[in-house]
Amino acid sequence: MQNQRDLEIIKKICAYCAKIELLKSRFGDDFSKFVADEDYQAAAGMYIQQIGEMAKRLSNEFVDTHNEIPWREIKAMRNIYAHEYDSIAPQIVWDTIIYDCPELNKYCCKILED
């Protein structure tokens, strides 16, 4: 049985992942466009930060049960965005929105379906 609070948080994570997908549709699926567009970078960064913020709110039981996802790293990325934004390499952000967020979204949506 899933904790209702955790499920609400997972819904929000899915929503932020969907917003990242919309960004990619709007701005393009090309790294050079991402690097050239500060608005694209800022919006993606904000959504990644929000995903990390939501991950911080998940119960320890949920995180322990769903340990296939690197929750600690997700929370760490949020901290980097919040406190060291200028030090983030664009390639890391790009890889996050291209590879990690779709996988996270798929995993979280599966939790919601069960």
N, C-alpha and C. Protein backbone atom coordinates (compact mmCIF):
# COMPACT_ATOMS: atom_id res chain seq x y z
N MET A 1 0.85 -1.20 0.00
CA MET A 1 0.00 0.00 0.00
C MET A 1 0.88 1.24 0.00
N GLN A 2 0.59 2.14 -0.91
CA GLN A 2 1.36 3.38 -1.03
C GLN A 2 0.75 4.45 -0.11
N ASN A 3 1.60 5.23 0.46
CA ASN A 3 1.21 6.38 1.26
C ASN A 3 0.59 7.43 0.32
N GLN A 4 -0.57 7.96 0.66
CA GLN A 4 -1.26 8.93 -0.21
C GLN A 4 -0.43 10.19 -0.44
N ARG A 5 0.26 10.65 0.60
CA ARG A 5 1.11 11.83 0.46
C ARG A 5 2.22 11.59 -0.56
N ASP A 6 2.85 10.42 -0.48
CA ASP A 6 3.90 10.07 -1.45
C ASP A 6 3.34 10.02 -2.86
N LEU A 7 2.13 9.47 -3.02
CA LEU A 7 1.53 9.40 -4.35
C LEU A 7 1.24 10.79 -4.92
N GLU A 8 0.84 11.71 -4.07
CA GLU A 8 0.62 13.09 -4.52
C GLU A 8 1.93 13.73 -4.97
N ILE A 9 3.00 13.45 -4.26
CA ILE A 9 4.32 13.96 -4.64
C ILE A 9 4.75 13.36 -5.97
N ILE A 10 4.53 12.07 -6.15
CA ILE A 10 4.88 11.40 -7.41
C ILE A 10 4.09 12.01 -8.57
N LYS A 11 2.82 12.35 -8.34
CA LYS A 11 2.02 13.02 -9.38
C LYS A 11 2.67 14.34 -9.78
N LYS A 12 3.16 15.09 -8.80
CA LYS A 12 3.81 16.36 -9.10
C LYS A 12 5.12 16.15 -9.86
N ILE A 13 5.86 15.13 -9.49
CA ILE A 13 7.10 14.83 -10.23
C ILE A 13 6.76 14.51 -11.68
N CYS A 14 5.72 13.72 -11.90
CA CYS A 14 5.28 13.41 -13.27
C CYS A 14 4.91 14.68 -14.03
N ALA A 15 4.24 15.59 -13.35
CA ALA A 15 3.83 16.84 -14.00
C ALA A 15 5.05 17.67 -14.40
N TYR A 16 6.06 17.72 -13.55
CA TYR A 16 7.27 18.46 -13.92
C TYR A 16 8.02 17.77 -15.06
N CYS A 17 8.04 16.46 -15.06
CA CYS A 17 8.66 15.74 -16.18
C CYS A 17 7.92 16.04 -17.48
N ALA A 18 6.60 16.11 -17.41
CA ALA A 18 5.80 16.44 -18.59
C ALA A 18 6.10 17.86 -19.07
N LYS A 19 6.31 18.77 -18.14
CA LYS A 19 6.65 20.15 -18.53
C LYS A 19 8.00 20.19 -19.22
N ILE A 20 8.93 19.36 -18.78
CA ILE A 20 10.23 19.29 -19.46
C ILE A 20 10.04 18.78 -20.89
N GLU A 21 9.16 17.79 -21.07
CA GLU A 21 8.89 17.30 -22.42
C GLU A 21 8.29 18.40 -23.29
N LEU A 22 7.42 19.21 -22.72
CA LEU A 22 6.85 20.34 -23.46
C LEU A 22 7.93 21.35 -23.85
N LEU A 23 8.87 21.57 -22.94
CA LEU A 23 9.99 22.47 -23.27
C LEU A 23 10.76 21.94 -24.47
N LYS A 24 11.04 20.65 -24.46
CA LYS A 24 11.78 20.07 -25.58
C LYS A 24 10.99 20.20 -26.88
N SER A 25 9.68 20.06 -26.80
CA SER A 25 8.85 20.23 -28.00
C SER A 25 8.89 21.68 -28.48
N ARG A 26 8.83 22.59 -27.55
CA ARG A 26 8.78 24.01 -27.88
C ARG A 26 10.12 24.55 -28.38
N PHE A 27 11.20 24.21 -27.66
CA PHE A 27 12.50 24.80 -27.97
C PHE A 27 13.36 23.94 -28.88
N GLY A 28 13.09 22.67 -28.93
CA GLY A 28 13.86 21.79 -29.78
C GLY A 28 14.63 20.74 -29.01
N ASP A 29 14.93 19.69 -29.71
CA ASP A 29 15.59 18.53 -29.13
C ASP A 29 17.05 18.52 -29.58
N ASP A 30 17.68 19.69 -29.51
CA ASP A 30 19.03 19.84 -30.03
C ASP A 30 19.88 20.58 -28.99
N PHE A 31 21.02 19.99 -28.66
CA PHE A 31 21.88 20.57 -27.62
C PHE A 31 22.34 21.98 -27.97
N SER A 32 22.64 22.23 -29.24
CA SER A 32 23.11 23.57 -29.61
C SER A 32 22.03 24.63 -29.37
N LYS A 33 20.78 24.28 -29.60
CA LYS A 33 19.68 25.20 -29.31
C LYS A 33 19.56 25.43 -27.81
N PHE A 34 19.74 24.37 -27.04
CA PHE A 34 19.67 24.47 -25.58
C PHE A 34 20.75 25.42 -25.06
N VAL A 35 21.96 25.24 -25.52
CA VAL A 35 23.08 26.06 -25.06
C VAL A 35 22.90 27.52 -25.47
N ALA A 36 22.30 27.75 -26.62
CA ALA A 36 22.15 29.10 -27.14
C ALA A 36 20.97 29.86 -26.52
N ASP A 37 20.07 29.16 -25.84
CA ASP A 37 18.85 29.80 -25.35
C ASP A 37 18.80 29.79 -23.83
N GLU A 38 19.05 30.94 -23.22
CA GLU A 38 19.05 31.04 -21.76
C GLU A 38 17.67 30.75 -21.16
N ASP A 39 16.62 31.10 -21.88
CA ASP A 39 15.27 30.81 -21.38
C ASP A 39 15.03 29.30 -21.29
N TYR A 40 15.48 28.58 -22.29
CA TYR A 40 15.36 27.13 -22.31
C TYR A 40 16.11 26.54 -21.11
N GLN A 41 17.34 26.99 -20.92
CA GLN A 41 18.15 26.50 -19.82
C GLN A 41 17.51 26.83 -18.46
N ALA A 42 17.02 28.05 -18.32
CA ALA A 42 16.43 28.46 -17.05
C ALA A 42 15.16 27.68 -16.74
N ALA A 43 14.32 27.50 -17.74
CA ALA A 43 13.07 26.76 -17.53
C ALA A 43 13.37 25.30 -17.18
N ALA A 44 14.27 24.68 -17.92
CA ALA A 44 14.62 23.29 -17.62
C ALA A 44 15.20 23.18 -16.22
N GLY A 45 16.06 24.13 -15.87
CA GLY A 45 16.66 24.12 -14.54
C GLY A 45 15.63 24.27 -13.43
N MET A 46 14.66 25.11 -13.65
CA MET A 46 13.62 25.30 -12.64
C MET A 46 12.82 24.02 -12.44
N TYR A 47 12.47 23.35 -13.53
CA TYR A 47 11.71 22.11 -13.40
C TYR A 47 12.53 21.01 -12.74
N ILE A 48 13.81 20.93 -13.07
CA ILE A 48 14.68 19.95 -12.43
C ILE A 48 14.78 20.25 -10.93
N GLN A 49 14.89 21.52 -10.61
CA GLN A 49 14.96 21.91 -9.20
C GLN A 49 13.67 21.52 -8.47
N GLN A 50 12.54 21.71 -9.11
CA GLN A 50 11.26 21.36 -8.48
C GLN A 50 11.12 19.84 -8.30
N ILE A 51 11.62 19.08 -9.27
CA ILE A 51 11.61 17.63 -9.11
C ILE A 51 12.43 17.24 -7.88
N GLY A 52 13.58 17.86 -7.72
CA GLY A 52 14.41 17.59 -6.54
C GLY A 52 13.73 17.99 -5.25
N GLU A 53 13.03 19.10 -5.29
CA GLU A 53 12.29 19.56 -4.11
C GLU A 53 11.20 18.56 -3.74
N MET A 54 10.50 18.05 -4.73
CA MET A 54 9.47 17.04 -4.47
C MET A 54 10.10 15.77 -3.92
N ALA A 55 11.23 15.36 -4.47
CA ALA A 55 11.91 14.15 -4.01
C ALA A 55 12.31 14.26 -2.55
N LYS A 56 12.66 15.45 -2.11
CA LYS A 56 13.02 15.66 -0.70
C LYS A 56 11.85 15.38 0.23
N ARG A 57 10.64 15.51 -0.27
CA ARG A 57 9.44 15.36 0.56
C ARG A 57 8.93 13.92 0.64
N LEU A 58 9.50 13.04 -0.17
CA LEU A 58 9.07 11.64 -0.13
C LEU A 58 9.45 11.01 1.20
N SER A 59 8.61 10.13 1.68
CA SER A 59 8.91 9.44 2.95
C SER A 59 10.12 8.52 2.78
N ASN A 60 10.81 8.27 3.88
CA ASN A 60 11.94 7.35 3.86
C ASN A 60 11.49 5.95 3.44
N GLU A 61 10.30 5.56 3.85
CA GLU A 61 9.78 4.25 3.47
C GLU A 61 9.60 4.14 1.96
N PHE A 62 9.08 5.20 1.36
CA PHE A 62 8.89 5.20 -0.09
C PHE A 62 10.23 5.10 -0.80
N VAL A 63 11.17 5.92 -0.38
CA VAL A 63 12.50 5.93 -1.01
C VAL A 63 13.17 4.56 -0.86
N ASP A 64 13.05 3.97 0.31
CA ASP A 64 13.64 2.65 0.53
C ASP A 64 12.97 1.58 -0.32
N THR A 65 11.66 1.67 -0.48
CA THR A 65 10.93 0.70 -1.28
C THR A 65 11.22 0.86 -2.77
N HIS A 66 11.37 2.09 -3.20
CA HIS A 66 11.58 2.39 -4.63
C HIS A 66 13.02 2.85 -4.85
N ASN A 67 13.94 1.98 -4.49
CA ASN A 67 15.36 2.34 -4.54
C ASN A 67 15.99 2.18 -5.91
N GLU A 68 15.20 1.85 -6.93
CA GLU A 68 15.73 1.78 -8.30
C GLU A 68 16.04 3.18 -8.83
N ILE A 69 15.40 4.16 -8.25
CA ILE A 69 15.59 5.55 -8.67
C ILE A 69 16.64 6.18 -7.74
N PRO A 70 17.57 6.94 -8.30
CA PRO A 70 18.61 7.57 -7.47
C PRO A 70 18.09 8.84 -6.77
N TRP A 71 17.22 8.64 -5.81
CA TRP A 71 16.58 9.77 -5.13
C TRP A 71 17.61 10.72 -4.52
N ARG A 72 18.66 10.18 -3.95
CA ARG A 72 19.68 11.03 -3.33
C ARG A 72 20.33 11.96 -4.36
N GLU A 73 20.62 11.42 -5.53
CA GLU A 73 21.23 12.22 -6.59
C GLU A 73 20.25 13.28 -7.11
N ILE A 74 18.98 12.93 -7.17
CA ILE A 74 17.96 13.89 -7.60
C ILE A 74 17.90 15.06 -6.62
N LYS A 75 17.93 14.73 -5.34
CA LYS A 75 17.92 15.79 -4.32
C LYS A 75 19.20 16.61 -4.37
N ALA A 76 20.33 15.96 -4.64
CA ALA A 76 21.60 16.67 -4.74
C ALA A 76 21.59 17.65 -5.91
N MET A 77 20.99 17.25 -7.02
CA MET A 77 20.90 18.13 -8.18
C MET A 77 20.08 19.36 -7.83
N ARG A 78 19.04 19.18 -7.07
CA ARG A 78 18.24 20.32 -6.62
C ARG A 78 19.08 21.28 -5.79
N ASN A 79 19.92 20.75 -4.92
CA ASN A 79 20.77 21.59 -4.09
C ASN A 79 21.78 22.37 -4.92
N ILE A 80 22.31 21.73 -5.93
CA ILE A 80 23.26 22.42 -6.82
C ILE A 80 22.55 23.56 -7.53
N TYR A 81 21.34 23.31 -8.03
CA TYR A 81 20.58 24.37 -8.68
C TYR A 81 20.27 25.51 -7.73
N ALA A 82 19.92 25.19 -6.52
CA ALA A 82 19.52 26.22 -5.57
C ALA A 82 20.71 27.04 -5.08
N HIS A 83 21.88 26.43 -4.98
CA HIS A 83 22.99 27.11 -4.31
C HIS A 83 24.20 27.37 -5.19
N GLU A 84 24.32 26.65 -6.31
CA GLU A 84 25.51 26.80 -7.15
C GLU A 84 25.14 26.81 -8.63
N TYR A 85 24.08 27.53 -8.97
CA TYR A 85 23.52 27.47 -10.32
C TYR A 85 24.55 27.74 -11.41
N ASP A 86 25.42 28.72 -11.19
CA ASP A 86 26.39 29.08 -12.22
C ASP A 86 27.45 28.01 -12.47
N SER A 87 27.54 27.03 -11.59
CA SER A 87 28.58 26.01 -11.76
C SER A 87 28.12 24.79 -12.53
N ILE A 88 26.86 24.75 -12.94
CA ILE A 88 26.33 23.57 -13.62
C ILE A 88 26.70 23.61 -15.10
N ALA A 89 27.30 22.54 -15.56
CA ALA A 89 27.65 22.43 -16.98
C ALA A 89 26.39 22.16 -17.79
N PRO A 90 26.20 22.90 -18.88
CA PRO A 90 25.01 22.68 -19.71
C PRO A 90 24.83 21.23 -20.16
N GLN A 91 25.92 20.53 -20.39
CA GLN A 91 25.82 19.13 -20.84
C GLN A 91 25.15 18.26 -19.78
N ILE A 92 25.41 18.54 -18.51
CA ILE A 92 24.79 17.76 -17.44
C ILE A 92 23.29 18.00 -17.41
N VAL A 93 22.89 19.25 -17.56
CA VAL A 93 21.46 19.57 -17.59
C VAL A 93 20.81 18.91 -18.81
N TRP A 94 21.47 19.02 -19.94
CA TRP A 94 20.94 18.42 -21.15
C TRP A 94 20.75 16.91 -20.99
N ASP A 95 21.76 16.25 -20.48
CA ASP A 95 21.66 14.80 -20.28
C ASP A 95 20.51 14.47 -19.32
N THR A 96 20.32 15.33 -18.32
CA THR A 96 19.24 15.12 -17.36
C THR A 96 17.88 15.19 -18.04
N ILE A 97 17.68 16.21 -18.89
CA ILE A 97 16.36 16.35 -19.51
C ILE A 97 16.14 15.37 -20.67
N ILE A 98 17.22 14.93 -21.28
CA ILE A 98 17.09 14.00 -22.41
C ILE A 98 16.97 12.55 -21.96
N TYR A 99 17.76 12.18 -20.97
CA TYR A 99 17.82 10.77 -20.56
C TYR A 99 17.13 10.50 -19.21
N ASP A 100 17.47 11.29 -18.21
CA ASP A 100 17.02 10.97 -16.85
C ASP A 100 15.54 11.28 -16.61
N CYS A 101 15.09 12.44 -17.03
CA CYS A 101 13.70 12.82 -16.77
C CYS A 101 12.69 11.89 -17.45
N PRO A 102 12.91 11.49 -18.70
CA PRO A 102 11.96 10.53 -19.29
C PRO A 102 11.92 9.20 -18.54
N GLU A 103 13.07 8.73 -18.08
CA GLU A 103 13.09 7.48 -17.31
C GLU A 103 12.39 7.65 -15.97
N LEU A 104 12.64 8.77 -15.31
CA LEU A 104 11.98 9.06 -14.04
C LEU A 104 10.47 9.13 -14.24
N ASN A 105 10.06 9.81 -15.29
CA ASN A 105 8.63 9.93 -15.57
C ASN A 105 7.98 8.56 -15.80
N LYS A 106 8.64 7.72 -16.60
CA LYS A 106 8.11 6.39 -16.87
C LYS A 106 7.98 5.60 -15.57
N TYR A 107 8.98 5.66 -14.73
CA TYR A 107 8.96 4.94 -13.46
C TYR A 107 7.85 5.45 -12.55
N CYS A 108 7.75 6.77 -12.44
CA CYS A 108 6.74 7.36 -11.55
C CYS A 108 5.33 7.09 -12.06
N CYS A 109 5.13 7.16 -13.36
CA CYS A 109 3.80 6.88 -13.92
C CYS A 109 3.40 5.43 -13.66
N LYS A 110 4.37 4.54 -13.71
CA LYS A 110 4.09 3.13 -13.41
C LYS A 110 3.64 2.97 -11.95
N ILE A 111 4.25 3.70 -11.05
CA ILE A 111 3.84 3.66 -9.64
C ILE A 111 2.39 4.10 -9.52
N LEU A 112 2.03 5.15 -10.24
CA LEU A 112 0.67 5.67 -10.15
C LEU A 112 -0.35 4.71 -10.76
N GLU A 113 0.06 3.92 -11.74
CA GLU A 113 -0.85 2.97 -12.38
C GLU A 113 -1.11 1.75 -11.50
N ASP A 114 -0.14 1.39 -10.68
CA ASP A 114 -0.29 0.19 -9.83
C ASP A 114 -1.27 0.37 -8.71
